[in-house]
């Protein structure tokens, strides 16, 4: 009886300590609950994250999803890859904030789920930003330097950087 009480107390104490170390995901920086989606319509065989077909999603709380290769498009809902730290989220959102999505060469995409560029003639990058109430999407040619930098950053965060 005494042994089981001691083991129970140790178990409770251990669980309490582990909760304190991990922290509450809802307290992580999430840019006001926004989500980010990025699709690289590139080559399935490319080595560089900026050229490789991929789908990245960052959800509020830092949940990061990623898929690569054939079938990675705007309809793909990738598996969870990892949870990003507050500093990693800050870096991603700082880069997104520099993209100037409202200006040329970016173009508005009204139906991102239907965007399937012809691989031979128009490789591109699609960015989707959303929150609980709405979402917007923009596209740009795959050679856009800022979009390539974001795709590279996300590829590195997914542990597949080139």
Protein backbone atom coordinates (compact mmCIF):
# COMPACT_ATOMS: atom_id res chain seq x y z
CA UNK A 1 0.00 0.00 0.00
CA UNK A 2 2.76 2.40 1.00
CA UNK A 3 4.70 1.57 -2.19
CA UNK A 4 1.71 2.29 -4.42
CA UNK A 5 1.13 5.66 -2.70
CA UNK A 6 4.76 6.65 -3.19
CA UNK A 7 4.67 5.57 -6.85
CA UNK A 8 1.44 7.52 -7.40
CA UNK A 9 2.96 10.67 -5.86
CA UNK A 10 6.09 10.31 -8.01
CA UNK A 11 3.98 9.86 -11.12
CA UNK A 12 1.91 12.96 -10.35
CA UNK A 13 5.03 15.00 -9.59
CA UNK A 14 6.67 13.81 -12.81
CA UNK A 15 3.63 14.73 -14.91
CA UNK A 16 3.50 18.17 -13.35
CA UNK A 17 7.16 18.80 -14.20
CA UNK A 18 6.78 17.67 -17.79
CA UNK A 19 3.84 19.98 -18.35
CA UNK A 20 5.82 22.94 -17.12
CA UNK A 21 8.74 22.23 -19.46
CA UNK A 22 6.63 21.86 -22.60
CA UNK A 23 4.49 24.94 -22.14
CA UNK A 24 1.04 25.71 -23.45
CA UNK A 25 0.88 25.71 -27.28
CA UNK A 26 -1.92 28.30 -27.20
CA UNK A 27 0.57 30.76 -25.70
CA UNK A 28 2.90 30.45 -28.68
CA UNK A 29 3.10 33.32 -31.15
CA UNK A 30 0.66 32.70 -33.98
CA UNK A 31 0.38 36.10 -35.69
CA UNK A 32 -3.14 36.66 -34.40
CA UNK A 33 -4.41 33.21 -35.31
CA UNK A 34 -3.45 33.48 -38.98
CA UNK A 35 -2.52 30.52 -41.10
CA UNK A 36 -0.03 30.36 -43.94
CA UNK A 37 -0.15 27.98 -46.87
CA UNK A 38 2.53 27.85 -49.56
CA UNK A 39 2.59 25.62 -52.63
CA UNK A 40 5.61 25.33 -54.88
CA UNK A 41 4.48 24.17 -58.31
CA UNK A 42 7.92 23.02 -59.35
CA UNK A 43 9.73 19.86 -60.28
CA UNK A 44 9.19 16.66 -58.32
CA UNK A 45 12.89 15.80 -58.64
CA UNK A 46 14.45 19.19 -57.84
CA UNK A 47 16.91 19.37 -54.94
CA UNK A 48 16.28 23.00 -53.91
CA UNK A 49 13.18 23.71 -51.76
CA UNK A 50 12.50 26.73 -53.98
CA UNK A 51 12.20 24.48 -57.07
CA UNK A 52 10.80 21.23 -55.60
CA UNK A 53 7.05 20.60 -55.72
CA UNK A 54 5.89 21.07 -52.14
CA UNK A 55 3.01 22.10 -49.89
CA UNK A 56 3.61 23.83 -46.56
CA UNK A 57 1.01 24.87 -43.99
CA UNK A 58 1.57 26.75 -40.75
CA UNK A 59 -1.42 26.66 -38.43
CA UNK A 60 -2.06 28.85 -35.37
CA UNK A 61 0.04 27.70 -32.45
CA UNK A 62 2.97 26.81 -34.71
CA UNK A 63 1.81 23.45 -36.08
CA UNK A 64 3.82 22.97 -39.27
CA UNK A 65 2.74 20.58 -42.03
CA UNK A 66 4.75 19.69 -45.13
CA UNK A 67 4.62 17.37 -48.14
CA UNK A 68 6.89 17.06 -51.15
CA UNK A 69 6.81 15.72 -54.69
CA UNK A 70 3.97 14.67 -56.94
CA UNK A 71 0.52 15.56 -55.65
CA UNK A 72 1.70 18.42 -53.43
CA UNK A 73 -0.77 21.06 -54.50
CA UNK A 74 -3.38 23.40 -53.02
CA UNK A 75 -5.67 20.45 -52.24
CA UNK A 76 -3.01 18.59 -50.24
CA UNK A 77 -3.34 18.55 -46.45
CA UNK A 78 0.11 17.33 -45.38
CA UNK A 79 0.92 15.46 -42.18
CA UNK A 80 2.32 17.33 -39.18
CA UNK A 81 6.08 17.73 -39.52
CA UNK A 82 6.81 19.60 -36.28
CA UNK A 83 5.79 22.49 -34.06
CA UNK A 84 7.66 25.74 -34.74
CA UNK A 85 9.05 27.84 -31.92
CA UNK A 86 7.98 31.43 -31.33
CA UNK A 87 11.23 32.73 -32.84
CA UNK A 88 10.80 30.54 -35.94
CA UNK A 89 7.23 31.81 -36.35
CA UNK A 90 8.43 35.39 -35.96
CA UNK A 91 11.02 34.84 -38.71
CA UNK A 92 8.46 33.29 -41.09
CA UNK A 93 5.88 36.04 -40.52
CA UNK A 94 8.54 38.75 -40.87
CA UNK A 95 9.42 37.32 -44.27
CA UNK A 96 5.74 37.07 -45.28
CA UNK A 97 5.22 40.70 -44.26
CA UNK A 98 7.92 41.80 -46.74
CA UNK A 99 6.32 40.11 -49.77
CA UNK A 100 4.14 43.05 -50.93
CA UNK A 101 1.42 40.69 -52.12
CA UNK A 102 -0.81 43.55 -53.28
CA UNK A 103 1.72 44.70 -55.92
CA UNK A 104 2.97 43.32 -59.22
CA UNK A 105 4.30 40.71 -60.00
CA UNK A 106 1.90 39.02 -57.53
CA UNK A 107 -1.58 38.20 -58.83
CA UNK A 108 -4.73 37.34 -56.89
CA UNK A 109 -5.85 33.71 -57.08
CA UNK A 110 -9.59 33.42 -56.48
CA UNK A 111 -9.74 29.60 -56.49
CA UNK A 112 -6.40 28.22 -55.24
CA UNK A 113 -7.71 24.66 -55.27
CA UNK A 114 -8.07 24.91 -59.06
CA UNK A 115 -4.59 26.30 -59.71
CA UNK A 116 -2.56 23.67 -61.54
CA UNK A 117 0.05 25.44 -63.68
CA UNK A 118 1.46 23.69 -66.69
CA UNK A 119 4.86 22.42 -65.53
CA UNK A 120 6.45 23.14 -68.91
CA UNK A 121 5.32 26.72 -69.30
CA UNK A 122 4.42 28.20 -65.93
CA UNK A 123 5.98 27.04 -62.72
CA UNK A 124 4.81 29.17 -59.82
CA UNK A 125 4.45 29.66 -56.08
CA UNK A 126 1.08 30.07 -54.41
CA UNK A 127 0.68 31.75 -51.03
CA UNK A 128 -2.51 31.54 -48.99
CA UNK A 129 -3.13 33.62 -45.86
CA UNK A 130 -6.17 33.06 -43.69
CA UNK A 131 -7.76 33.42 -40.31
CA UNK A 132 -10.96 32.15 -38.74
CA UNK A 133 -13.10 34.41 -40.96
CA UNK A 134 -11.48 34.60 -44.38
CA UNK A 135 -8.60 33.64 -46.62
CA UNK A 136 -6.80 35.15 -49.58
CA UNK A 137 -4.37 33.71 -52.10
CA UNK A 138 -1.74 35.10 -54.44
CA UNK A 139 0.50 33.57 -57.06
CA UNK A 140 3.84 34.54 -58.53
CA UNK A 141 6.34 33.09 -60.98
CA UNK A 142 8.72 30.58 -59.38
CA UNK A 143 11.69 32.85 -60.18
CA UNK A 144 10.47 35.58 -57.77
CA UNK A 145 13.35 36.08 -55.33
CA UNK A 146 11.24 36.81 -52.23
CA UNK A 147 8.92 33.85 -52.80
CA UNK A 148 11.93 31.59 -53.35
CA UNK A 149 13.47 32.77 -50.06
CA UNK A 150 10.25 31.94 -48.21
CA UNK A 151 10.03 28.51 -49.88
CA UNK A 152 13.66 27.85 -48.95
CA UNK A 153 13.04 28.89 -45.33
CA UNK A 154 10.01 26.59 -45.09
CA UNK A 155 11.96 23.72 -46.66
CA UNK A 156 14.71 24.17 -44.10
CA UNK A 157 12.17 24.29 -41.26
CA UNK A 158 10.73 21.02 -42.62
CA UNK A 159 14.27 19.58 -42.31
CA UNK A 160 14.64 19.05 -46.06
CA UNK A 161 16.50 22.23 -47.04
CA UNK A 162 18.68 21.96 -50.12
